[in-house]
Amino acid sequence: MLSLLLAKNPCRSDHRVGNFGGMKGERVMDEQKNALTEQEAARYVGVSPAVFRLWRADGTGPNYFRAGSKLIRYLRRDLDGWIEARLSKHAGAEDRASQNLAG
């Protein structure tokens, strides 16, 4: 849909409109179609949408993009990566704390 909108814009040339090297452009469009709303992303992570807004304001939450002036969207792979990074840091800290107590 986005590539169709951009393609109709006479101010853009073909090398800048939807020409992402074949499959890459299709992959980007698929990811955008499958993007989660703030409410869906909050449910996926297990927190309230208000917590997501706080994280966005602090810059501590997962990556997001705007699909319009007010529409915030999250990619599932970004949420998964953000969760994984937080779990890894937390698990590493617990491992070091238990080693310090044992040693």
PDB file of N, CA and C in Angstrom:
ATOM      1  N   MET A   1       0.821  -1.182   0.000  1.00  0.00           N
ATOM      2  CA  MET A   1       0.000   0.000   0.000  1.00  0.00           C
ATOM      3  C   MET A   1       0.869   1.251   0.000  1.00  0.00           C
ATOM      4  N   LEU A   2       1.899   1.272   0.878  1.00  0.00           N
ATOM      5  CA  LEU A   2       2.780   2.421   0.952  1.00  0.00           C
ATOM      6  C   LEU A   2       3.497   2.640  -0.366  1.00  0.00           C
ATOM      7  N   SER A   3       3.962   1.544  -1.001  1.00  0.00           N
ATOM      8  CA  SER A   3       4.666   1.703  -2.273  1.00  0.00           C
ATOM      9  C   SER A   3       3.726   2.248  -3.346  1.00  0.00           C
ATOM     10  N   LEU A   4       2.453   1.878  -3.276  1.00  0.00           N
ATOM     11  CA  LEU A   4       1.486   2.422  -4.235  1.00  0.00           C
ATOM     12  C   LEU A   4       1.294   3.914  -4.016  1.00  0.00           C
ATOM     13  N   LEU A   5       1.231   4.331  -2.763  1.00  0.00           N
ATOM     14  CA  LEU A   5       1.084   5.758  -2.474  1.00  0.00           C
ATOM     15  C   LEU A   5       2.302   6.541  -2.933  1.00  0.00           C
ATOM     16  N   LEU A   6       3.485   5.982  -2.654  1.00  0.00           N
ATOM     17  CA  LEU A   6       4.710   6.659  -3.061  1.00  0.00           C
ATOM     18  C   LEU A   6       4.864   6.668  -4.578  1.00  0.00           C
ATOM     19  N   ALA A   7       4.461   5.584  -5.226  1.00  0.00           N
ATOM     20  CA  ALA A   7       4.602   5.493  -6.672  1.00  0.00           C
ATOM     21  C   ALA A   7       3.737   6.527  -7.385  1.00  0.00           C
ATOM     22  N   LYS A   8       2.631   6.926  -6.772  1.00  0.00           N
ATOM     23  CA  LYS A   8       1.759   7.920  -7.385  1.00  0.00           C
ATOM     24  C   LYS A   8       2.260   9.340  -7.177  1.00  0.00           C
ATOM     25  N   ASN A   9       3.280   9.493  -6.356  1.00  0.00           N
ATOM     26  CA  ASN A   9       3.829  10.811  -6.091  1.00  0.00           C
ATOM     27  C   ASN A   9       4.780  11.185  -7.224  1.00  0.00           C
ATOM     28  N   PRO A  10       4.430  12.158  -8.065  1.00  0.00           N
ATOM     29  CA  PRO A  10       5.269  12.500  -9.215  1.00  0.00           C
ATOM     30  C   PRO A  10       6.588  13.157  -8.821  1.00  0.00           C
ATOM     31  N   CYS A  11       6.730  13.557  -7.559  1.00  0.00           N
ATOM     32  CA  CYS A  11       7.962  14.210  -7.119  1.00  0.00           C
ATOM     33  C   CYS A  11       9.069  13.219  -6.811  1.00  0.00           C
ATOM     34  N   ARG A  12       8.752  11.944  -6.767  1.00  0.00           N
ATOM     35  CA  ARG A  12       9.756  10.937  -6.442  1.00  0.00           C
ATOM     36  C   ARG A  12      10.141  10.171  -7.698  1.00  0.00           C
ATOM     37  N   SER A  13      11.411   9.869  -7.796  1.00  0.00           N
ATOM     38  CA  SER A  13      11.869   9.091  -8.942  1.00  0.00           C
ATOM     39  C   SER A  13      11.841   7.612  -8.591  1.00  0.00           C
ATOM     40  N   ASP A  14      11.906   6.747  -9.606  1.00  0.00           N
ATOM     41  CA  ASP A  14      11.780   5.312  -9.389  1.00  0.00           C
ATOM     42  C   ASP A  14      12.852   4.745  -8.474  1.00  0.00           C
ATOM     43  N   HIS A  15      14.065   5.280  -8.505  1.00  0.00           N
ATOM     44  CA  HIS A  15      15.110   4.694  -7.681  1.00  0.00           C
ATOM     45  C   HIS A  15      14.890   4.968  -6.202  1.00  0.00           C
ATOM     46  N   ARG A  16      13.980   5.838  -5.842  1.00  0.00           N
ATOM     47  CA  ARG A  16      13.699   6.117  -4.440  1.00  0.00           C
ATOM     48  C   ARG A  16      12.356   5.549  -3.991  1.00  0.00           C
ATOM     49  N   VAL A  17      11.573   5.041  -4.901  1.00  0.00           N
ATOM     50  CA  VAL A  17      10.223   4.593  -4.576  1.00  0.00           C
ATOM     51  C   VAL A  17      10.137   3.086  -4.644  1.00  0.00           C
ATOM     52  N   GLY A  18      10.029   2.444  -3.485  1.00  0.00           N
ATOM     53  CA  GLY A  18       9.775   1.017  -3.433  1.00  0.00           C
ATOM     54  C   GLY A  18      10.807   0.143  -4.120  1.00  0.00           C
ATOM     55  N   ASN A  19      11.915   0.701  -4.556  1.00  0.00           N
ATOM     56  CA  ASN A  19      12.943  -0.086  -5.206  1.00  0.00           C
ATOM     57  C   ASN A  19      13.998  -0.425  -4.159  1.00  0.00           C
ATOM     58  N   PHE A  20      13.715  -1.457  -3.372  1.00  0.00           N
ATOM     59  CA  PHE A  20      14.603  -1.847  -2.288  1.00  0.00           C
ATOM     60  C   PHE A  20      15.401  -3.085  -2.649  1.00  0.00           C
ATOM     61  N   GLY A  21      15.522  -3.372  -3.888  1.00  0.00           N
ATOM     62  CA  GLY A  21      16.293  -4.537  -4.294  1.00  0.00           C
ATOM     63  C   GLY A  21      15.492  -5.823  -4.251  1.00  0.00           C
ATOM     64  N   GLY A  22      14.307  -5.823  -4.783  1.00  0.00           N
ATOM     65  CA  GLY A  22      13.522  -7.048  -4.888  1.00  0.00           C
ATOM     66  C   GLY A  22      12.816  -7.403  -3.601  1.00  0.00           C
ATOM     67  N   MET A  23      13.209  -8.518  -3.003  1.00  0.00           N
ATOM     68  CA  MET A  23      12.520  -9.067  -1.843  1.00  0.00           C
ATOM     69  C   MET A  23      12.586  -8.158  -0.623  1.00  0.00           C
ATOM     70  N   LYS A  24      13.606  -7.355  -0.505  1.00  0.00           N
ATOM     71  CA  LYS A  24      13.729  -6.509   0.676  1.00  0.00           C
ATOM     72  C   LYS A  24      12.528  -5.582   0.807  1.00  0.00           C
ATOM     73  N   GLY A  25      12.098  -4.966  -0.275  1.00  0.00           N
ATOM     74  CA  GLY A  25      10.935  -4.088  -0.234  1.00  0.00           C
ATOM     75  C   GLY A  25       9.669  -4.834   0.151  1.00  0.00           C
ATOM     76  N   GLU A  26       9.516  -6.048  -0.362  1.00  0.00           N
ATOM     77  CA  GLU A  26       8.357  -6.863  -0.005  1.00  0.00           C
ATOM     78  C   GLU A  26       8.403  -7.244   1.465  1.00  0.00           C
ATOM     79  N   ARG A  27       9.594  -7.543   1.970  1.00  0.00           N
ATOM     80  CA  ARG A  27       9.751  -7.917   3.372  1.00  0.00           C
ATOM     81  C   ARG A  27       9.396  -6.747   4.278  1.00  0.00           C
ATOM     82  N   VAL A  28       9.826  -5.551   3.909  1.00  0.00           N
ATOM     83  CA  VAL A  28       9.507  -4.359   4.691  1.00  0.00           C
ATOM     84  C   VAL A  28       8.002  -4.153   4.729  1.00  0.00           C
ATOM     85  N   MET A  29       7.345  -4.299   3.599  1.00  0.00           N
ATOM     86  CA  MET A  29       5.898  -4.114   3.549  1.00  0.00           C
ATOM     87  C   MET A  29       5.179  -5.172   4.395  1.00  0.00           C
ATOM     88  N   ASP A  30       5.653  -6.436   4.348  1.00  0.00           N
ATOM     89  CA  ASP A  30       5.052  -7.486   5.154  1.00  0.00           C
ATOM     90  C   ASP A  30       5.208  -7.196   6.640  1.00  0.00           C
ATOM     91  N   GLU A  31       6.390  -6.730   7.045  1.00  0.00           N
ATOM     92  CA  GLU A  31       6.628  -6.411   8.446  1.00  0.00           C
ATOM     93  C   GLU A  31       5.717  -5.279   8.903  1.00  0.00           C
ATOM     94  N   GLN A  32       5.541  -4.282   8.060  1.00  0.00           N
ATOM     95  CA  GLN A  32       4.681  -3.160   8.432  1.00  0.00           C
ATOM     96  C   GLN A  32       3.233  -3.602   8.548  1.00  0.00           C
ATOM     97  N   LYS A  33       2.791  -4.502   7.668  1.00  0.00           N
ATOM     98  CA  LYS A  33       1.422  -5.010   7.751  1.00  0.00           C
ATOM     99  C   LYS A  33       1.212  -5.812   9.027  1.00  0.00           C
ATOM    100  N   ASN A  34       2.246  -6.514   9.470  1.00  0.00           N
ATOM    101  CA  ASN A  34       2.152  -7.369  10.646  1.00  0.00           C
ATOM    102  C   ASN A  34       2.572  -6.652  11.927  1.00  0.00           C
ATOM    103  N   ALA A  35       2.773  -5.361  11.867  1.00  0.00           N
ATOM    104  CA  ALA A  35       3.188  -4.606  13.040  1.00  0.00           C
ATOM    105  C   ALA A  35       2.063  -4.579  14.074  1.00  0.00           C
ATOM    106  N   LEU A  36       2.464  -4.534  15.331  1.00  0.00           N
ATOM    107  CA  LEU A  36       1.509  -4.534  16.428  1.00  0.00           C
ATOM    108  C   LEU A  36       1.191  -3.119  16.878  1.00  0.00           C
ATOM    109  N   THR A  37      -0.044  -2.906  17.282  1.00  0.00           N
ATOM    110  CA  THR A  37      -0.418  -1.626  17.874  1.00  0.00           C
ATOM    111  C   THR A  37       0.196  -1.542  19.272  1.00  0.00           C
ATOM    112  N   GLU A  38       0.105  -0.372  19.889  1.00  0.00           N
ATOM    113  CA  GLU A  38       0.610  -0.211  21.244  1.00  0.00           C
ATOM    114  C   GLU A  38      -0.079  -1.186  22.204  1.00  0.00           C
ATOM    115  N   GLN A  39      -1.392  -1.318  22.062  1.00  0.00           N
ATOM    116  CA  GLN A  39      -2.140  -2.221  22.939  1.00  0.00           C
ATOM    117  C   GLN A  39      -1.729  -3.680  22.723  1.00  0.00           C
ATOM    118  N   GLU A  40      -1.567  -4.077  21.461  1.00  0.00           N
ATOM    119  CA  GLU A  40      -1.160  -5.450  21.158  1.00  0.00           C
ATOM    120  C   GLU A  40       0.252  -5.720  21.662  1.00  0.00           C
ATOM    121  N   ALA A  41       1.149  -4.759  21.472  1.00  0.00           N
ATOM    122  CA  ALA A  41       2.532  -4.917  21.924  1.00  0.00           C
ATOM    123  C   ALA A  41       2.591  -5.001  23.443  1.00  0.00           C
ATOM    124  N   ALA A  42       1.809  -4.171  24.123  1.00  0.00           N
ATOM    125  CA  ALA A  42       1.783  -4.200  25.584  1.00  0.00           C
ATOM    126  C   ALA A  42       1.290  -5.557  26.085  1.00  0.00           C
ATOM    127  N   ARG A  43       0.243  -6.071  25.455  1.00  0.00           N
ATOM    128  CA  ARG A  43      -0.275  -7.389  25.825  1.00  0.00           C
ATOM    129  C   ARG A  43       0.781  -8.461  25.565  1.00  0.00           C
ATOM    130  N   TYR A  44       1.490  -8.360  24.446  1.00  0.00           N
ATOM    131  CA  TYR A  44       2.527  -9.333  24.079  1.00  0.00           C
ATOM    132  C   TYR A  44       3.640  -9.368  25.128  1.00  0.00           C
ATOM    133  N   VAL A  45       4.023  -8.180  25.625  1.00  0.00           N
ATOM    134  CA  VAL A  45       5.102  -8.082  26.607  1.00  0.00           C
ATOM    135  C   VAL A  45       4.577  -8.350  28.022  1.00  0.00           C
ATOM    136  N   GLY A  46       3.301  -8.093  28.243  1.00  0.00           N
ATOM    137  CA  GLY A  46       2.722  -8.361  29.551  1.00  0.00           C
ATOM    138  C   GLY A  46       2.645  -7.148  30.464  1.00  0.00           C
ATOM    139  N   VAL A  47       2.552  -5.967  29.863  1.00  0.00           N
ATOM    140  CA  VAL A  47       2.427  -4.732  30.638  1.00  0.00           C
ATOM    141  C   VAL A  47       1.262  -3.921  30.072  1.00  0.00           C
ATOM    142  N   SER A  48       0.951  -2.811  30.726  1.00  0.00           N
ATOM    143  CA  SER A  48      -0.139  -1.964  30.252  1.00  0.00           C
ATOM    144  C   SER A  48       0.361  -1.017  29.158  1.00  0.00           C
ATOM    145  N   PRO A  49      -0.535  -0.524  28.322  1.00  0.00           N
ATOM    146  CA  PRO A  49      -0.140   0.478  27.327  1.00  0.00           C
ATOM    147  C   PRO A  49       0.476   1.723  27.966  1.00  0.00           C
ATOM    148  N   ALA A  50       0.050   2.069  29.175  1.00  0.00           N
ATOM    149  CA  ALA A  50       0.624   3.230  29.869  1.00  0.00           C
ATOM    150  C   ALA A  50       2.115   3.027  30.138  1.00  0.00           C
ATOM    151  N   VAL A  51       2.502   1.801  30.456  1.00  0.00           N
ATOM    152  CA  VAL A  51       3.919   1.505  30.682  1.00  0.00           C
ATOM    153  C   VAL A  51       4.689   1.692  29.381  1.00  0.00           C
ATOM    154  N   PHE A  52       4.121   1.272  28.264  1.00  0.00           N
ATOM    155  CA  PHE A  52       4.774   1.477  26.970  1.00  0.00           C
ATOM    156  C   PHE A  52       4.977   2.964  26.687  1.00  0.00           C
ATOM    157  N   ARG A  53       3.983   3.779  27.020  1.00  0.00           N
ATOM    158  CA  ARG A  53       4.117   5.229  26.810  1.00  0.00           C
ATOM    159  C   ARG A  53       5.236   5.803  27.672  1.00  0.00           C
ATOM    160  N   LEU A  54       5.339   5.334  28.908  1.00  0.00           N
ATOM    161  CA  LEU A  54       6.425   5.782  29.784  1.00  0.00           C
ATOM    162  C   LEU A  54       7.783   5.364  29.223  1.00  0.00           C
ATOM    163  N   TRP A  55       7.873   4.119  28.773  1.00  0.00           N
ATOM    164  CA  TRP A  55       9.126   3.635  28.201  1.00  0.00           C
ATOM    165  C   TRP A  55       9.511   4.435  26.961  1.00  0.00           C
ATOM    166  N   ARG A  56       8.523   4.787  26.118  1.00  0.00           N
ATOM    167  CA  ARG A  56       8.823   5.598  24.929  1.00  0.00           C
ATOM    168  C   ARG A  56       9.344   6.967  25.339  1.00  0.00           C
ATOM    169  N   ALA A  57       8.712   7.566  26.337  1.00  0.00           N
ATOM    170  CA  ALA A  57       9.132   8.887  26.803  1.00  0.00           C
ATOM    171  C   ALA A  57      10.539   8.842  27.395  1.00  0.00           C
ATOM    172  N   ASP A  58      10.856   7.758  28.094  1.00  0.00           N
ATOM    173  CA  ASP A  58      12.187   7.596  28.710  1.00  0.00           C
ATOM    174  C   ASP A  58      13.240   7.148  27.705  1.00  0.00           C
ATOM    175  N   GLY A  59      12.796   6.584  26.593  1.00  0.00           N
ATOM    176  CA  GLY A  59      13.734   6.019  25.624  1.00  0.00           C
ATOM    177  C   GLY A  59      14.255   4.665  26.054  1.00  0.00           C
ATOM    178  N   THR A  60      13.549   3.991  26.975  1.00  0.00           N
ATOM    179  CA  THR A  60      14.020   2.702  27.479  1.00  0.00           C
ATOM    180  C   THR A  60      13.265   1.517  26.911  1.00  0.00           C
ATOM    181  N   GLY A  61      12.217   1.762  26.156  1.00  0.00           N
ATOM    182  CA  GLY A  61      11.392   0.683  25.627  1.00  0.00           C
ATOM    183  C   GLY A  61      11.916   0.128  24.320  1.00  0.00           C
ATOM    184  N   PRO A  62      11.163  -0.799  23.758  1.00  0.00           N
ATOM    185  CA  PRO A  62      11.556  -1.399  22.471  1.00  0.00           C
ATOM    186  C   PRO A  62      11.428  -0.397  21.321  1.00  0.00           C
ATOM    187  N   ASN A  63      12.106  -0.687  20.235  1.00  0.00           N
ATOM    188  CA  ASN A  63      12.012   0.150  19.041  1.00  0.00           C
ATOM    189  C   ASN A  63      10.579   0.186  18.545  1.00  0.00           C
ATOM    190  N   TYR A  64      10.194   1.309  17.958  1.00  0.00           N
ATOM    191  CA  TYR A  64       8.862   1.481  17.402  1.00  0.00           C
ATOM    192  C   TYR A  64       8.969   2.388  16.188  1.00  0.00           C
ATOM    193  N   PHE A  65       7.898   2.468  15.442  1.00  0.00           N
ATOM    194  CA  PHE A  65       7.854   3.419  14.337  1.00  0.00           C
ATOM    195  C   PHE A  65       6.480   4.041  14.291  1.00  0.00           C
ATOM    196  N   ARG A  66       6.382   5.160  13.636  1.00  0.00           N
ATOM    197  CA  ARG A  66       5.107   5.843  13.475  1.00  0.00           C
ATOM    198  C   ARG A  66       4.529   5.506  12.104  1.00  0.00           C
ATOM    199  N   ALA A  67       3.306   5.033  12.118  1.00  0.00           N
ATOM    200  CA  ALA A  67       2.590   4.735  10.877  1.00  0.00           C
ATOM    201  C   ALA A  67       1.546   5.828  10.679  1.00  0.00           C
ATOM    202  N   GLY A  68       1.990   7.051  10.699  1.00  0.00           N
ATOM    203  CA  GLY A  68       1.116   8.219  10.675  1.00  0.00           C
ATOM    204  C   GLY A  68       1.541   9.138  11.805  1.00  0.00           C
ATOM    205  N   SER A  69       0.885  10.269  11.939  1.00  0.00           N
ATOM    206  CA  SER A  69       1.319  11.225  12.939  1.00  0.00           C
ATOM    207  C   SER A  69       1.099  10.737  14.370  1.00  0.00           C
ATOM    208  N   LYS A  70       0.095   9.895  14.594  1.00  0.00           N
ATOM    209  CA  LYS A  70      -0.199   9.439  15.945  1.00  0.00           C
ATOM    210  C   LYS A  70      -0.187   7.924  16.119  1.00  0.00           C
ATOM    211  N   LEU A  71      -0.036   7.184  15.047  1.00  0.00           N
ATOM    212  CA  LEU A  71      -0.116   5.728  15.116  1.00  0.00           C
ATOM    213  C   LEU A  71       1.250   5.116  15.409  1.00  0.00           C
ATOM    214  N   ILE A  72       1.419   4.598  16.598  1.00  0.00           N
ATOM    215  CA  ILE A  72       2.658   3.946  17.008  1.00  0.00           C
ATOM    216  C   ILE A  72       2.534   2.463  16.696  1.00  0.00           C
ATOM    217  N   ARG A  73       3.578   1.888  16.108  1.00  0.00           N
ATOM    218  CA  ARG A  73       3.571   0.463  15.790  1.00  0.00           C
ATOM    219  C   ARG A  73       4.889  -0.169  16.232  1.00  0.00           C
ATOM    220  N   TYR A  74       4.800  -1.440  16.575  1.00  0.00           N
ATOM    221  CA  TYR A  74       5.947  -2.224  17.018  1.00  0.00           C
ATOM    222  C   TYR A  74       6.060  -3.465  16.157  1.00  0.00           C
ATOM    223  N   LEU A  75       7.283  -3.824  15.791  1.00  0.00           N
ATOM    224  CA  LEU A  75       7.521  -5.078  15.083  1.00  0.00           C
ATOM    225  C   LEU A  75       7.781  -6.170  16.106  1.00  0.00           C
ATOM    226  N   ARG A  76       7.179  -7.318  15.882  1.00  0.00           N
ATOM    227  CA  ARG A  76       7.324  -8.432  16.832  1.00  0.00           C
ATOM    228  C   ARG A  76       8.797  -8.801  17.033  1.00  0.00           C
ATOM    229  N   ARG A  77       9.574  -8.759  15.969  1.00  0.00           N
ATOM    230  CA  ARG A  77      10.995  -9.117  16.115  1.00  0.00           C
ATOM    231  C   ARG A  77      11.729  -8.109  16.993  1.00  0.00           C
ATOM    232  N   ASP A  78      11.327  -6.832  16.952  1.00  0.00           N
ATOM    233  CA  ASP A  78      11.932  -5.831  17.838  1.00  0.00           C
ATOM    234  C   ASP A  78      11.543  -6.089  19.292  1.00  0.00           C
ATOM    235  N   LEU A  79      10.289  -6.464  19.510  1.00  0.00           N
ATOM    236  CA  LEU A  79       9.852  -6.788  20.868  1.00  0.00           C
ATOM    237  C   LEU A  79      10.608  -8.004  21.398  1.00  0.00           C
ATOM    238  N   ASP A  80      10.734  -9.034  20.559  1.00  0.00           N
ATOM    239  CA  ASP A  80      11.457 -10.238  20.970  1.00  0.00           C
ATOM    240  C   ASP A  80      12.912  -9.924  21.301  1.00  0.00           C
ATOM    241  N   GLY A  81      13.561  -9.120  20.459  1.00  0.00           N
ATOM    242  CA  GLY A  81      14.954  -8.746  20.706  1.00  0.00           C
ATOM    243  C   GLY A  81      15.115  -7.928  21.973  1.00  0.00           C
ATOM    244  N   TRP A  82      14.189  -7.026  22.209  1.00  0.00           N
ATOM    245  CA  TRP A  82      14.230  -6.180  23.405  1.00  0.00           C
ATOM    246  C   TRP A  82      14.045  -7.031  24.666  1.00  0.00           C
ATOM    247  N   ILE A  83      13.092  -7.955  24.614  1.00  0.00           N
ATOM    248  CA  ILE A  83      12.875  -8.852  25.747  1.00  0.00           C
ATOM    249  C   ILE A  83      14.111  -9.708  25.989  1.00  0.00           C
ATOM    250  N   GLU A  84      14.655 -10.265  24.932  1.00  0.00           N
ATOM    251  CA  GLU A  84      15.835 -11.129  25.048  1.00  0.00           C
ATOM    252  C   GLU A  84      17.011 -10.371  25.661  1.00  0.00           C
ATOM    253  N   ALA A  85      17.223  -9.143  25.225  1.00  0.00           N
ATOM    254  CA  ALA A  85      18.334  -8.339  25.760  1.00  0.00           C
ATOM    255  C   ALA A  85      18.149  -8.076  27.254  1.00  0.00           C
ATOM    256  N   ARG A  86      16.933  -7.815  27.656  1.00  0.00           N
ATOM    257  CA  ARG A  86      16.659  -7.557  29.066  1.00  0.00           C
ATOM    258  C   ARG A  86      16.797  -8.828  29.893  1.00  0.00           C
ATOM    259  N   LEU A  87      16.350  -9.956  29.375  1.00  0.00           N
ATOM    260  CA  LEU A  87      16.483 -11.215  30.100  1.00  0.00           C
ATOM    261  C   LEU A  87      17.942 -11.613  30.250  1.00  0.00           C
ATOM    262  N   SER A  88      18.725 -11.422  29.204  1.00  0.00           N
ATOM    263  CA  SER A  88      20.135 -11.782  29.241  1.00  0.00           C
ATOM    264  C   SER A  88      20.878 -10.966  30.279  1.00  0.00           C
ATOM    265  N   LYS A  89      20.623  -9.662  30.329  1.00  0.00           N
ATOM    266  CA  LYS A  89      21.282  -8.797  31.307  1.00  0.00           C
ATOM    267  C   LYS A  89      20.882  -9.199  32.717  1.00  0.00           C
ATOM    268  N   HIS A  90      19.611  -9.440  32.925  1.00  0.00           N
ATOM    269  CA  HIS A  90      19.101  -9.795  34.242  1.00  0.00           C
ATOM    270  C   HIS A  90      19.667 -11.145  34.690  1.00  0.00           C
ATOM    271  N   ALA A  91      19.647 -12.120  33.800  1.00  0.00           N
ATOM    272  CA  ALA A  91      20.145 -13.453  34.134  1.00  0.00           C
ATOM    273  C   ALA A  91      21.629 -13.406  34.441  1.00  0.00           C
ATOM    274  N   GLY A  92      22.374 -12.611  33.702  1.00  0.00           N
ATOM    275  CA  GLY A  92      23.814 -12.478  33.946  1.00  0.00           C
ATOM    276  C   GLY A  92      24.098 -11.868  35.304  1.00  0.00           C
ATOM    277  N   ALA A  93      23.314 -10.885  35.698  1.00  0.00           N
ATOM    278  CA  ALA A  93      23.492 -10.243  37.000  1.00  0.00           C
ATOM    279  C   ALA A  93      23.174 -11.230  38.120  1.00  0.00           C
ATOM    280  N   GLU A  94      22.138 -12.038  37.959  1.00  0.00           N
ATOM    281  CA  GLU A  94      21.804 -13.038  38.973  1.00  0.00           C
ATOM    282  C   GLU A  94      22.907 -14.079  39.100  1.00  0.00           C
ATOM    283  N   ASP A  95      23.461 -14.496  37.963  1.00  0.00           N
ATOM    284  CA  ASP A  95      24.542 -15.492  37.982  1.00  0.00           C
ATOM    285  C   ASP A  95      25.750 -14.939  38.725  1.00  0.00           C
ATOM    286  N   ARG A  96      26.114 -13.677  38.453  1.00  0.00           N
ATOM    287  CA  ARG A  96      27.261 -13.078  39.126  1.00  0.00           C
ATOM    288  C   ARG A  96      26.997 -12.918  40.630  1.00  0.00           C
ATOM    289  N   ALA A  97      25.780 -12.554  41.001  1.00  0.00           N
ATOM    290  CA  ALA A  97      25.451 -12.389  42.423  1.00  0.00           C
ATOM    291  C   ALA A  97      25.534 -13.722  43.153  1.00  0.00           C
ATOM    292  N   SER A  98      25.039 -14.794  42.531  1.00  0.00           N
ATOM    293  CA  SER A  98      25.092 -16.098  43.195  1.00  0.00           C
ATOM    294  C   SER A  98      26.522 -16.601  43.280  1.00  0.00           C
ATOM    295  N   GLN A  99      27.356 -16.298  42.301  1.00  0.00           N
ATOM    296  CA  GLN A  99      28.769 -16.690  42.356  1.00  0.00           C
ATOM    297  C   GLN A  99      29.484 -15.933  43.472  1.00  0.00           C
ATOM    298  N   ASN A 100      29.166 -14.657  43.654  1.00  0.00           N
ATOM    299  CA  ASN A 100      29.794 -13.862  44.714  1.00  0.00           C
ATOM    300  C   ASN A 100      29.412 -14.395  46.089  1.00  0.00           C
ATOM    301  N   LEU A 101      28.172 -14.837  46.258  1.00  0.00           N
ATOM    302  CA  LEU A 101      27.728 -15.382  47.533  1.00  0.00           C
ATOM    303  C   LEU A 101      28.378 -16.729  47.818  1.00  0.00           C
ATOM    304  N   ALA A 102      28.556 -17.522  46.767  1.00  0.00           N
ATOM    305  CA  ALA A 102      29.110 -18.852  46.923  1.00  0.00           C
ATOM    306  C   ALA A 102      30.628 -18.817  47.105  1.00  0.00           C
ATOM    307  N   GLY A 103      31.262 -17.807  46.572  1.00  0.00           N
ATOM    308  CA  GLY A 103      32.723 -17.786  46.550  1.00  0.00           C
ATOM    309  C   GLY A 103      33.277 -16.996  47.629  1.00  0.00           C
TER     310      GLY A 103
END
